[in-house]
Amino acid sequence: MREERRKKRLRRAELTETELVAHWADGETTRHPLEALRRNCPCAQCRERREDSRGPEEGVELTVLSGEAVTATAAARSFDLVGRYGLRVNWADGHQHGIYALEQLRAGAYD
């Protein structure tokens, strides 16, 4: 079990203009579009905004943009590793609250 976890560890990551590319210890590479990562930001504020934007039916998106949501961007300046479990993207608009779990990045959960 421990060996399996070690194989799935993040070896390195890089930002391109449009995606986060993750290179894993077992040789796998995953690509994550920045737009999808931003849209699925896991921070409490973004999750709450997504939940509030749903209408009476799941998936209905009638969002009224206000405040910082108006200036939200999918452009990233950098990222930081958070322990052995996550990665924080520093977005160009200053947002940096979401920690993307490495296990979920590996599984494509934010794409």
PDB file of N, CA and C in Angstrom:
ATOM      1  N   MET A   1       0.821  -1.189   0.000  1.00  0.00           N
ATOM      2  CA  MET A   1       0.000   0.000   0.000  1.00  0.00           C
ATOM      3  C   MET A   1       0.869   1.257   0.000  1.00  0.00           C
ATOM      4  N   ARG A   2       1.873   1.264   0.850  1.00  0.00           N
ATOM      5  CA  ARG A   2       2.768   2.419   0.945  1.00  0.00           C
ATOM      6  C   ARG A   2       3.509   2.626  -0.376  1.00  0.00           C
ATOM      7  N   GLU A   3       3.956   1.545  -0.999  1.00  0.00           N
ATOM      8  CA  GLU A   3       4.654   1.621  -2.286  1.00  0.00           C
ATOM      9  C   GLU A   3       3.729   2.198  -3.363  1.00  0.00           C
ATOM     10  N   GLU A   4       2.481   1.771  -3.331  1.00  0.00           N
ATOM     11  CA  GLU A   4       1.503   2.282  -4.296  1.00  0.00           C
ATOM     12  C   GLU A   4       1.326   3.794  -4.151  1.00  0.00           C
ATOM     13  N   ARG A   5       1.252   4.278  -2.913  1.00  0.00           N
ATOM     14  CA  ARG A   5       1.131   5.727  -2.668  1.00  0.00           C
ATOM     15  C   ARG A   5       2.368   6.465  -3.153  1.00  0.00           C
ATOM     16  N   ARG A   6       3.521   5.880  -2.934  1.00  0.00           N
ATOM     17  CA  ARG A   6       4.772   6.511  -3.346  1.00  0.00           C
ATOM     18  C   ARG A   6       4.808   6.673  -4.865  1.00  0.00           C
ATOM     19  N   LYS A   7       4.314   5.687  -5.592  1.00  0.00           N
ATOM     20  CA  LYS A   7       4.295   5.754  -7.053  1.00  0.00           C
ATOM     21  C   LYS A   7       3.396   6.878  -7.552  1.00  0.00           C
ATOM     22  N   LYS A   8       2.374   7.184  -6.778  1.00  0.00           N
ATOM     23  CA  LYS A   8       1.414   8.205  -7.203  1.00  0.00           C
ATOM     24  C   LYS A   8       1.756   9.599  -6.689  1.00  0.00           C
ATOM     25  N   ARG A   9       2.921   9.764  -6.084  1.00  0.00           N
ATOM     26  CA  ARG A   9       3.336  11.076  -5.596  1.00  0.00           C
ATOM     27  C   ARG A   9       3.692  11.996  -6.756  1.00  0.00           C
ATOM     28  N   LEU A  10       3.463  13.259  -6.527  1.00  0.00           N
ATOM     29  CA  LEU A  10       3.820  14.270  -7.509  1.00  0.00           C
ATOM     30  C   LEU A  10       5.335  14.416  -7.537  1.00  0.00           C
ATOM     31  N   ARG A  11       5.914  14.246  -8.694  1.00  0.00           N
ATOM     32  CA  ARG A  11       7.356  14.410  -8.845  1.00  0.00           C
ATOM     33  C   ARG A  11       7.689  15.865  -9.143  1.00  0.00           C
ATOM     34  N   ARG A  12       6.935  16.460 -10.063  1.00  0.00           N
ATOM     35  CA  ARG A  12       7.085  17.886 -10.369  1.00  0.00           C
ATOM     36  C   ARG A  12       5.855  18.362 -11.123  1.00  0.00           C
ATOM     37  N   ALA A  13       5.689  19.663 -11.132  1.00  0.00           N
ATOM     38  CA  ALA A  13       4.564  20.261 -11.843  1.00  0.00           C
ATOM     39  C   ALA A  13       5.054  21.515 -12.541  1.00  0.00           C
ATOM     40  N   GLU A  14       4.356  21.904 -13.573  1.00  0.00           N
ATOM     41  CA  GLU A  14       4.714  23.114 -14.298  1.00  0.00           C
ATOM     42  C   GLU A  14       3.448  23.795 -14.814  1.00  0.00           C
ATOM     43  N   LEU A  15       3.525  25.100 -14.921  1.00  0.00           N
ATOM     44  CA  LEU A  15       2.421  25.880 -15.476  1.00  0.00           C
ATOM     45  C   LEU A  15       2.765  26.282 -16.897  1.00  0.00           C
ATOM     46  N   THR A  16       1.803  26.114 -17.782  1.00  0.00           N
ATOM     47  CA  THR A  16       1.921  26.696 -19.112  1.00  0.00           C
ATOM     48  C   THR A  16       0.908  27.828 -19.148  1.00  0.00           C
ATOM     49  N   GLU A  17       0.742  28.429 -20.269  1.00  0.00           N
ATOM     50  CA  GLU A  17      -0.216  29.526 -20.379  1.00  0.00           C
ATOM     51  C   GLU A  17      -1.648  29.056 -20.177  1.00  0.00           C
ATOM     52  N   THR A  18      -1.920  27.787 -20.480  1.00  0.00           N
ATOM     53  CA  THR A  18      -3.290  27.307 -20.442  1.00  0.00           C
ATOM     54  C   THR A  18      -3.546  26.111 -19.531  1.00  0.00           C
ATOM     55  N   GLU A  19      -2.484  25.506 -18.975  1.00  0.00           N
ATOM     56  CA  GLU A  19      -2.718  24.316 -18.162  1.00  0.00           C
ATOM     57  C   GLU A  19      -1.637  24.106 -17.103  1.00  0.00           C
ATOM     58  N   LEU A  20      -2.005  23.279 -16.134  1.00  0.00           N
ATOM     59  CA  LEU A  20      -1.076  22.797 -15.124  1.00  0.00           C
ATOM     60  C   LEU A  20      -0.717  21.379 -15.541  1.00  0.00           C
ATOM     61  N   VAL A  21       0.554  21.126 -15.699  1.00  0.00           N
ATOM     62  CA  VAL A  21       1.018  19.798 -16.105  1.00  0.00           C
ATOM     63  C   VAL A  21       1.672  19.148 -14.891  1.00  0.00           C
ATOM     64  N   ALA A  22       1.165  17.987 -14.493  1.00  0.00           N
ATOM     65  CA  ALA A  22       1.672  17.278 -13.324  1.00  0.00           C
ATOM     66  C   ALA A  22       2.388  16.008 -13.772  1.00  0.00           C
ATOM     67  N   HIS A  23       3.612  15.840 -13.293  1.00  0.00           N
ATOM     68  CA  HIS A  23       4.412  14.659 -13.591  1.00  0.00           C
ATOM     69  C   HIS A  23       4.497  13.840 -12.309  1.00  0.00           C
ATOM     70  N   TRP A  24       4.048  12.592 -12.384  1.00  0.00           N
ATOM     71  CA  TRP A  24       3.945  11.738 -11.207  1.00  0.00           C
ATOM     72  C   TRP A  24       5.104  10.764 -11.140  1.00  0.00           C
ATOM     73  N   ALA A  25       5.400  10.269  -9.948  1.00  0.00           N
ATOM     74  CA  ALA A  25       6.550   9.395  -9.712  1.00  0.00           C
ATOM     75  C   ALA A  25       6.489   8.095 -10.508  1.00  0.00           C
ATOM     76  N   ASP A  26       5.297   7.649 -10.888  1.00  0.00           N
ATOM     77  CA  ASP A  26       5.191   6.404 -11.654  1.00  0.00           C
ATOM     78  C   ASP A  26       5.321   6.626 -13.155  1.00  0.00           C
ATOM     79  N   GLY A  27       5.662   7.854 -13.560  1.00  0.00           N
ATOM     80  CA  GLY A  27       5.858   8.142 -14.980  1.00  0.00           C
ATOM     81  C   GLY A  27       4.645   8.735 -15.677  1.00  0.00           C
ATOM     82  N   GLU A  28       3.506   8.727 -15.029  1.00  0.00           N
ATOM     83  CA  GLU A  28       2.294   9.313 -15.617  1.00  0.00           C
ATOM     84  C   GLU A  28       2.408  10.833 -15.654  1.00  0.00           C
ATOM     85  N   THR A  29       1.758  11.431 -16.630  1.00  0.00           N
ATOM     86  CA  THR A  29       1.649  12.886 -16.730  1.00  0.00           C
ATOM     87  C   THR A  29       0.176  13.211 -16.897  1.00  0.00           C
ATOM     88  N   THR A  30      -0.318  14.145 -16.109  1.00  0.00           N
ATOM     89  CA  THR A  30      -1.699  14.591 -16.261  1.00  0.00           C
ATOM     90  C   THR A  30      -1.686  16.072 -16.592  1.00  0.00           C
ATOM     91  N   ARG A  31      -2.650  16.490 -17.396  1.00  0.00           N
ATOM     92  CA  ARG A  31      -2.776  17.882 -17.828  1.00  0.00           C
ATOM     93  C   ARG A  31      -4.123  18.410 -17.364  1.00  0.00           C
ATOM     94  N   HIS A  32      -4.098  19.586 -16.746  1.00  0.00           N
ATOM     95  CA  HIS A  32      -5.302  20.157 -16.169  1.00  0.00           C
ATOM     96  C   HIS A  32      -5.496  21.572 -16.703  1.00  0.00           C
ATOM     97  N   PRO A  33      -6.534  21.789 -17.509  1.00  0.00           N
ATOM     98  CA  PRO A  33      -6.786  23.133 -18.038  1.00  0.00           C
ATOM     99  C   PRO A  33      -6.989  24.129 -16.894  1.00  0.00           C
ATOM    100  N   LEU A  34      -6.308  25.271 -16.967  1.00  0.00           N
ATOM    101  CA  LEU A  34      -6.425  26.276 -15.915  1.00  0.00           C
ATOM    102  C   LEU A  34      -7.857  26.766 -15.769  1.00  0.00           C
ATOM    103  N   GLU A  35      -8.562  26.879 -16.868  1.00  0.00           N
ATOM    104  CA  GLU A  35      -9.955  27.334 -16.800  1.00  0.00           C
ATOM    105  C   GLU A  35     -10.795  26.374 -15.956  1.00  0.00           C
ATOM    106  N   ALA A  36     -10.590  25.079 -16.140  1.00  0.00           N
ATOM    107  CA  ALA A  36     -11.347  24.091 -15.362  1.00  0.00           C
ATOM    108  C   ALA A  36     -10.931  24.129 -13.892  1.00  0.00           C
ATOM    109  N   LEU A  37      -9.631  24.291 -13.628  1.00  0.00           N
ATOM    110  CA  LEU A  37      -9.186  24.369 -12.242  1.00  0.00           C
ATOM    111  C   LEU A  37      -9.811  25.574 -11.546  1.00  0.00           C
ATOM    112  N   ARG A  38      -9.830  26.712 -12.232  1.00  0.00           N
ATOM    113  CA  ARG A  38     -10.401  27.912 -11.604  1.00  0.00           C
ATOM    114  C   ARG A  38     -11.900  27.756 -11.393  1.00  0.00           C
ATOM    115  N   ARG A  39     -12.580  27.211 -12.381  1.00  0.00           N
ATOM    116  CA  ARG A  39     -14.031  27.019 -12.280  1.00  0.00           C
ATOM    117  C   ARG A  39     -14.379  26.068 -11.135  1.00  0.00           C
ATOM    118  N   ASN A  40     -13.482  25.134 -10.825  1.00  0.00           N
ATOM    119  CA  ASN A  40     -13.718  24.142  -9.778  1.00  0.00           C
ATOM    120  C   ASN A  40     -12.856  24.383  -8.543  1.00  0.00           C
ATOM    121  N   CYS A  41     -12.510  25.628  -8.296  1.00  0.00           N
ATOM    122  CA  CYS A  41     -11.680  25.967  -7.140  1.00  0.00           C
ATOM    123  C   CYS A  41     -12.299  25.354  -5.881  1.00  0.00           C
ATOM    124  N   PRO A  42     -11.493  24.635  -5.085  1.00  0.00           N
ATOM    125  CA  PRO A  42     -12.037  23.951  -3.914  1.00  0.00           C
ATOM    126  C   PRO A  42     -12.153  24.803  -2.653  1.00  0.00           C
ATOM    127  N   CYS A  43     -11.832  26.094  -2.707  1.00  0.00           N
ATOM    128  CA  CYS A  43     -11.919  26.898  -1.482  1.00  0.00           C
ATOM    129  C   CYS A  43     -13.387  27.074  -1.076  1.00  0.00           C
ATOM    130  N   ALA A  44     -13.597  27.367   0.194  1.00  0.00           N
ATOM    131  CA  ALA A  44     -14.955  27.493   0.735  1.00  0.00           C
ATOM    132  C   ALA A  44     -15.753  28.583   0.026  1.00  0.00           C
ATOM    133  N   GLN A  45     -15.120  29.710  -0.258  1.00  0.00           N
ATOM    134  CA  GLN A  45     -15.822  30.821  -0.910  1.00  0.00           C
ATOM    135  C   GLN A  45     -16.309  30.426  -2.306  1.00  0.00           C
ATOM    136  N   CYS A  46     -15.448  29.808  -3.087  1.00  0.00           N
ATOM    137  CA  CYS A  46     -15.846  29.409  -4.443  1.00  0.00           C
ATOM    138  C   CYS A  46     -16.887  28.294  -4.425  1.00  0.00           C
ATOM    139  N   ARG A  47     -16.717  27.328  -3.511  1.00  0.00           N
ATOM    140  CA  ARG A  47     -17.724  26.258  -3.408  1.00  0.00           C
ATOM    141  C   ARG A  47     -19.082  26.840  -3.057  1.00  0.00           C
ATOM    142  N   GLU A  48     -19.096  27.773  -2.128  1.00  0.00           N
ATOM    143  CA  GLU A  48     -20.361  28.397  -1.729  1.00  0.00           C
ATOM    144  C   GLU A  48     -20.987  29.161  -2.897  1.00  0.00           C
ATOM    145  N   ARG A  49     -20.185  29.868  -3.649  1.00  0.00           N
ATOM    146  CA  ARG A  49     -20.694  30.617  -4.802  1.00  0.00           C
ATOM    147  C   ARG A  49     -21.276  29.667  -5.839  1.00  0.00           C
ATOM    148  N   ARG A  50     -20.595  28.531  -6.063  1.00  0.00           N
ATOM    149  CA  ARG A  50     -21.124  27.558  -7.025  1.00  0.00           C
ATOM    150  C   ARG A  50     -22.453  26.994  -6.548  1.00  0.00           C
ATOM    151  N   GLU A  51     -22.555  26.685  -5.260  1.00  0.00           N
ATOM    152  CA  GLU A  51     -23.802  26.144  -4.717  1.00  0.00           C
ATOM    153  C   GLU A  51     -24.924  27.169  -4.777  1.00  0.00           C
ATOM    154  N   ASP A  52     -24.624  28.425  -4.509  1.00  0.00           N
ATOM    155  CA  ASP A  52     -25.636  29.475  -4.565  1.00  0.00           C
ATOM    156  C   ASP A  52     -26.103  29.748  -5.986  1.00  0.00           C
ATOM    157  N   SER A  53     -25.249  29.442  -6.966  1.00  0.00           N
ATOM    158  CA  SER A  53     -25.598  29.746  -8.348  1.00  0.00           C
ATOM    159  C   SER A  53     -26.553  28.731  -8.948  1.00  0.00           C
ATOM    160  N   ARG A  54     -26.729  27.605  -8.279  1.00  0.00           N
ATOM    161  CA  ARG A  54     -27.643  26.593  -8.804  1.00  0.00           C
ATOM    162  C   ARG A  54     -29.074  27.024  -8.550  1.00  0.00           C
ATOM    163  N   GLY A  55     -29.874  26.815  -9.549  1.00  0.00           N
ATOM    164  CA  GLY A  55     -31.285  27.131  -9.407  1.00  0.00           C
ATOM    165  C   GLY A  55     -31.991  25.996  -8.705  1.00  0.00           C
ATOM    166  N   PRO A  56     -33.308  25.924  -8.856  1.00  0.00           N
ATOM    167  CA  PRO A  56     -34.055  24.857  -8.212  1.00  0.00           C
ATOM    168  C   PRO A  56     -33.638  23.467  -8.695  1.00  0.00           C
ATOM    169  N   GLU A  57     -33.063  23.400  -9.910  1.00  0.00           N
ATOM    170  CA  GLU A  57     -32.614  22.122 -10.438  1.00  0.00           C
ATOM    171  C   GLU A  57     -31.098  22.083 -10.442  1.00  0.00           C
ATOM    172  N   GLU A  58     -30.534  20.949 -10.160  1.00  0.00           N
ATOM    173  CA  GLU A  58     -29.086  20.759 -10.176  1.00  0.00           C
ATOM    174  C   GLU A  58     -28.546  21.123 -11.557  1.00  0.00           C
ATOM    175  N   GLY A  59     -27.458  21.868 -11.568  1.00  0.00           N
ATOM    176  CA  GLY A  59     -26.812  22.199 -12.831  1.00  0.00           C
ATOM    177  C   GLY A  59     -27.303  23.475 -13.487  1.00  0.00           C
ATOM    178  N   VAL A  60     -28.361  24.081 -13.013  1.00  0.00           N
ATOM    179  CA  VAL A  60     -28.838  25.335 -13.594  1.00  0.00           C
ATOM    180  C   VAL A  60     -27.906  26.432 -13.125  1.00  0.00           C
ATOM    181  N   GLU A  61     -27.317  27.164 -14.071  1.00  0.00           N
ATOM    182  CA  GLU A  61     -26.348  28.177 -13.694  1.00  0.00           C
ATOM    183  C   GLU A  61     -26.829  29.564 -14.097  1.00  0.00           C
ATOM    184  N   LEU A  62     -27.465  30.237 -13.193  1.00  0.00           N
ATOM    185  CA  LEU A  62     -27.903  31.611 -13.396  1.00  0.00           C
ATOM    186  C   LEU A  62     -27.164  32.477 -12.385  1.00  0.00           C
ATOM    187  N   THR A  63     -25.881  32.637 -12.600  1.00  0.00           N
ATOM    188  CA  THR A  63     -25.046  33.328 -11.640  1.00  0.00           C
ATOM    189  C   THR A  63     -25.072  34.829 -11.896  1.00  0.00           C
ATOM    190  N   VAL A  64     -25.283  35.586 -10.855  1.00  0.00           N
ATOM    191  CA  VAL A  64     -25.151  37.036 -10.932  1.00  0.00           C
ATOM    192  C   VAL A  64     -23.753  37.336 -10.410  1.00  0.00           C
ATOM    193  N   LEU A  65     -22.888  37.811 -11.291  1.00  0.00           N
ATOM    194  CA  LEU A  65     -21.519  38.078 -10.893  1.00  0.00           C
ATOM    195  C   LEU A  65     -21.418  39.412 -10.180  1.00  0.00           C
ATOM    196  N   SER A  66     -20.707  39.400  -9.084  1.00  0.00           N
ATOM    197  CA  SER A  66     -20.486  40.635  -8.348  1.00  0.00           C
ATOM    198  C   SER A  66     -19.142  40.555  -7.649  1.00  0.00           C
ATOM    199  N   GLY A  67     -18.652  41.675  -7.217  1.00  0.00           N
ATOM    200  CA  GLY A  67     -17.408  41.708  -6.462  1.00  0.00           C
ATOM    201  C   GLY A  67     -16.269  41.068  -7.213  1.00  0.00           C
ATOM    202  N   GLU A  68     -15.496  40.238  -6.504  1.00  0.00           N
ATOM    203  CA  GLU A  68     -14.315  39.656  -7.115  1.00  0.00           C
ATOM    204  C   GLU A  68     -14.635  38.615  -8.176  1.00  0.00           C
ATOM    205  N   ALA A  69     -15.848  38.091  -8.203  1.00  0.00           N
ATOM    206  CA  ALA A  69     -16.212  37.120  -9.239  1.00  0.00           C
ATOM    207  C   ALA A  69     -16.163  37.752 -10.617  1.00  0.00           C
ATOM    208  N   VAL A  70     -16.406  39.050 -10.705  1.00  0.00           N
ATOM    209  CA  VAL A  70     -16.376  39.743 -11.992  1.00  0.00           C
ATOM    210  C   VAL A  70     -14.970  39.740 -12.570  1.00  0.00           C
ATOM    211  N   THR A  71     -13.965  39.819 -11.720  1.00  0.00           N
ATOM    212  CA  THR A  71     -12.591  39.887 -12.203  1.00  0.00           C
ATOM    213  C   THR A  71     -11.886  38.540 -12.174  1.00  0.00           C
ATOM    214  N   ALA A  72     -12.579  37.475 -11.866  1.00  0.00           N
ATOM    215  CA  ALA A  72     -11.962  36.153 -11.801  1.00  0.00           C
ATOM    216  C   ALA A  72     -11.305  35.825 -13.134  1.00  0.00           C
ATOM    217  N   THR A  73     -10.139  35.250 -13.058  1.00  0.00           N
ATOM    218  CA  THR A  73      -9.405  34.911 -14.260  1.00  0.00           C
ATOM    219  C   THR A  73      -8.832  33.508 -14.149  1.00  0.00           C
ATOM    220  N   ALA A  74      -8.622  32.891 -15.282  1.00  0.00           N
ATOM    221  CA  ALA A  74      -8.019  31.561 -15.306  1.00  0.00           C
ATOM    222  C   ALA A  74      -6.522  31.659 -15.587  1.00  0.00           C
ATOM    223  N   ALA A  75      -5.970  32.864 -15.496  1.00  0.00           N
ATOM    224  CA  ALA A  75      -4.525  33.033 -15.667  1.00  0.00           C
ATOM    225  C   ALA A  75      -3.850  32.795 -14.322  1.00  0.00           C
ATOM    226  N   ALA A  76      -2.822  31.980 -14.321  1.00  0.00           N
ATOM    227  CA  ALA A  76      -2.113  31.650 -13.078  1.00  0.00           C
ATOM    228  C   ALA A  76      -0.709  32.233 -13.109  1.00  0.00           C
ATOM    229  N   ARG A  77      -0.278  32.732 -11.953  1.00  0.00           N
ATOM    230  CA  ARG A  77       1.083  33.274 -11.839  1.00  0.00           C
ATOM    231  C   ARG A  77       2.064  32.209 -11.376  1.00  0.00           C
ATOM    232  N   SER A  78       1.638  31.379 -10.430  1.00  0.00           N
ATOM    233  CA  SER A  78       2.532  30.375  -9.860  1.00  0.00           C
ATOM    234  C   SER A  78       1.699  29.368  -9.070  1.00  0.00           C
ATOM    235  N   PHE A  79       2.390  28.436  -8.444  1.00  0.00           N
ATOM    236  CA  PHE A  79       1.728  27.488  -7.553  1.00  0.00           C
ATOM    237  C   PHE A  79       2.686  27.150  -6.424  1.00  0.00           C
ATOM    238  N   ASP A  80       2.127  26.671  -5.328  1.00  0.00           N
ATOM    239  CA  ASP A  80       2.904  26.241  -4.170  1.00  0.00           C
ATOM    240  C   ASP A  80       2.437  24.857  -3.761  1.00  0.00           C
ATOM    241  N   LEU A  81       3.368  23.998  -3.388  1.00  0.00           N
ATOM    242  CA  LEU A  81       2.985  22.716  -2.827  1.00  0.00           C
ATOM    243  C   LEU A  81       2.585  22.933  -1.372  1.00  0.00           C
ATOM    244  N   VAL A  82       1.566  22.237  -0.950  1.00  0.00           N
ATOM    245  CA  VAL A  82       1.075  22.314   0.427  1.00  0.00           C
ATOM    246  C   VAL A  82       1.252  20.933   1.035  1.00  0.00           C
ATOM    247  N   GLY A  83       2.293  20.805   1.825  1.00  0.00           N
ATOM    248  CA  GLY A  83       2.610  19.502   2.395  1.00  0.00           C
ATOM    249  C   GLY A  83       2.808  18.468   1.310  1.00  0.00           C
ATOM    250  N   ARG A  84       2.394  17.245   1.605  1.00  0.00           N
ATOM    251  CA  ARG A  84       2.470  16.157   0.624  1.00  0.00           C
ATOM    252  C   ARG A  84       1.110  15.864   0.014  1.00  0.00           C
ATOM    253  N   TYR A  85       0.146  16.715   0.305  1.00  0.00           N
ATOM    254  CA  TYR A  85      -1.217  16.385  -0.099  1.00  0.00           C
ATOM    255  C   TYR A  85      -1.864  17.351  -1.080  1.00  0.00           C
ATOM    256  N   GLY A  86      -1.301  18.538  -1.277  1.00  0.00           N
ATOM    257  CA  GLY A  86      -2.019  19.492  -2.104  1.00  0.00           C
ATOM    258  C   GLY A  86      -1.146  20.484  -2.840  1.00  0.00           C
ATOM    259  N   LEU A  87      -1.800  21.241  -3.687  1.00  0.00           N
ATOM    260  CA  LEU A  87      -1.158  22.250  -4.500  1.00  0.00           C
ATOM    261  C   LEU A  87      -2.060  23.478  -4.501  1.00  0.00           C
ATOM    262  N   ARG A  88      -1.496  24.645  -4.247  1.00  0.00           N
ATOM    263  CA  ARG A  88      -2.251  25.896  -4.245  1.00  0.00           C
ATOM    264  C   ARG A  88      -1.838  26.702  -5.472  1.00  0.00           C
ATOM    265  N   VAL A  89      -2.809  27.095  -6.275  1.00  0.00           N
ATOM    266  CA  VAL A  89      -2.537  27.920  -7.450  1.00  0.00           C
ATOM    267  C   VAL A  89      -2.699  29.386  -7.051  1.00  0.00           C
ATOM    268  N   ASN A  90      -1.734  30.192  -7.443  1.00  0.00           N
ATOM    269  CA  ASN A  90      -1.790  31.635  -7.211  1.00  0.00           C
ATOM    270  C   ASN A  90      -2.271  32.281  -8.507  1.00  0.00           C
ATOM    271  N   TRP A  91      -3.550  32.623  -8.536  1.00  0.00           N
ATOM    272  CA  TRP A  91      -4.177  33.153  -9.734  1.00  0.00           C
ATOM    273  C   TRP A  91      -3.774  34.604  -9.953  1.00  0.00           C
ATOM    274  N   ALA A  92      -3.784  35.046 -11.190  1.00  0.00           N
ATOM    275  CA  ALA A  92      -3.347  36.395 -11.556  1.00  0.00           C
ATOM    276  C   ALA A  92      -4.198  37.482 -10.913  1.00  0.00           C
ATOM    277  N   ASP A  93      -5.437  37.167 -10.547  1.00  0.00           N
ATOM    278  CA  ASP A  93      -6.305  38.174  -9.921  1.00  0.00           C
ATOM    279  C   ASP A  93      -6.130  38.219  -8.404  1.00  0.00           C
ATOM    280  N   GLY A  94      -5.167  37.463  -7.878  1.00  0.00           N
ATOM    281  CA  GLY A  94      -4.886  37.483  -6.446  1.00  0.00           C
ATOM    282  C   GLY A  94      -5.537  36.372  -5.647  1.00  0.00           C
ATOM    283  N   HIS A  95      -6.446  35.627  -6.244  1.00  0.00           N
ATOM    284  CA  HIS A  95      -7.107  34.541  -5.530  1.00  0.00           C
ATOM    285  C   HIS A  95      -6.100  33.416  -5.302  1.00  0.00           C
ATOM    286  N   GLN A  96      -6.026  32.904  -4.080  1.00  0.00           N
ATOM    287  CA  GLN A  96      -5.085  31.820  -3.792  1.00  0.00           C
ATOM    288  C   GLN A  96      -5.528  30.993  -2.601  1.00  0.00           C
ATOM    289  N   HIS A  97      -6.821  30.841  -2.437  1.00  0.00           N
ATOM    290  CA  HIS A  97      -7.334  30.160  -1.254  1.00  0.00           C
ATOM    291  C   HIS A  97      -7.575  28.670  -1.449  1.00  0.00           C
ATOM    292  N   GLY A  98      -7.730  28.217  -2.668  1.00  0.00           N
ATOM    293  CA  GLY A  98      -8.055  26.820  -2.906  1.00  0.00           C
ATOM    294  C   GLY A  98      -6.834  25.922  -2.875  1.00  0.00           C
ATOM    295  N   ILE A  99      -6.943  24.810  -2.181  1.00  0.00           N
ATOM    296  CA  ILE A  99      -5.888  23.801  -2.183  1.00  0.00           C
ATOM    297  C   ILE A  99      -6.431  22.585  -2.932  1.00  0.00           C
ATOM    298  N   TYR A 100      -5.801  22.295  -4.058  1.00  0.00           N
ATOM    299  CA  TYR A 100      -6.210  21.181  -4.892  1.00  0.00           C
ATOM    300  C   TYR A 100      -5.520  19.919  -4.371  1.00  0.00           C
ATOM    301  N   ALA A 101      -6.291  18.958  -3.917  1.00  0.00           N
ATOM    302  CA  ALA A 101      -5.739  17.713  -3.379  1.00  0.00           C
ATOM    303  C   ALA A 101      -5.018  16.957  -4.499  1.00  0.00           C
ATOM    304  N   LEU A 102      -3.788  16.531  -4.228  1.00  0.00           N
ATOM    305  CA  LEU A 102      -3.016  15.829  -5.249  1.00  0.00           C
ATOM    306  C   LEU A 102      -3.720  14.562  -5.721  1.00  0.00           C
ATOM    307  N   GLU A 103      -4.313  13.851  -4.794  1.00  0.00           N
ATOM    308  CA  GLU A 103      -5.034  12.623  -5.150  1.00  0.00           C
ATOM    309  C   GLU A 103      -6.158  12.926  -6.148  1.00  0.00           C
ATOM    310  N   GLN A 104      -6.848  14.037  -5.931  1.00  0.00           N
ATOM    311  CA  GLN A 104      -7.936  14.399  -6.836  1.00  0.00           C
ATOM    312  C   GLN A 104      -7.408  14.959  -8.155  1.00  0.00           C
ATOM    313  N   LEU A 105      -6.275  15.654  -8.128  1.00  0.00           N
ATOM    314  CA  LEU A 105      -5.660  16.090  -9.380  1.00  0.00           C
ATOM    315  C   LEU A 105      -5.299  14.879 -10.209  1.00  0.00           C
ATOM    316  N   ARG A 106      -4.696  13.908  -9.571  1.00  0.00           N
ATOM    317  CA  ARG A 106      -4.284  12.690 -10.275  1.00  0.00           C
ATOM    318  C   ARG A 106      -5.494  12.015 -10.920  1.00  0.00           C
ATOM    319  N   ALA A 107      -6.626  12.024 -10.235  1.00  0.00           N
ATOM    320  CA  ALA A 107      -7.845  11.378 -10.747  1.00  0.00           C
ATOM    321  C   ALA A 107      -8.610  12.235 -11.760  1.00  0.00           C
ATOM    322  N   GLY A 108      -8.197  13.492 -11.933  1.00  0.00           N
ATOM    323  CA  GLY A 108      -8.896  14.365 -12.880  1.00  0.00           C
ATOM    324  C   GLY A 108     -10.178  14.955 -12.334  1.00  0.00           C
ATOM    325  N   ALA A 109     -10.320  15.005 -11.011  1.00  0.00           N
ATOM    326  CA  ALA A 109     -11.566  15.448 -10.392  1.00  0.00           C
ATOM    327  C   ALA A 109     -11.882  16.923 -10.623  1.00  0.00           C
ATOM    328  N   TYR A 110     -10.897  17.724 -10.958  1.00  0.00           N
ATOM    329  CA  TYR A 110     -11.130  19.164 -11.136  1.00  0.00           C
ATOM    330  C   TYR A 110     -11.304  19.556 -12.601  1.00  0.00           C
ATOM    331  N   ASP A 111     -11.129  18.592 -13.502  1.00  0.00           N
ATOM    332  CA  ASP A 111     -11.196  18.902 -14.935  1.00  0.00           C
ATOM    333  C   ASP A 111     -12.609  18.973 -15.462  1.00  0.00           C
TER     334      ASP A 111
END
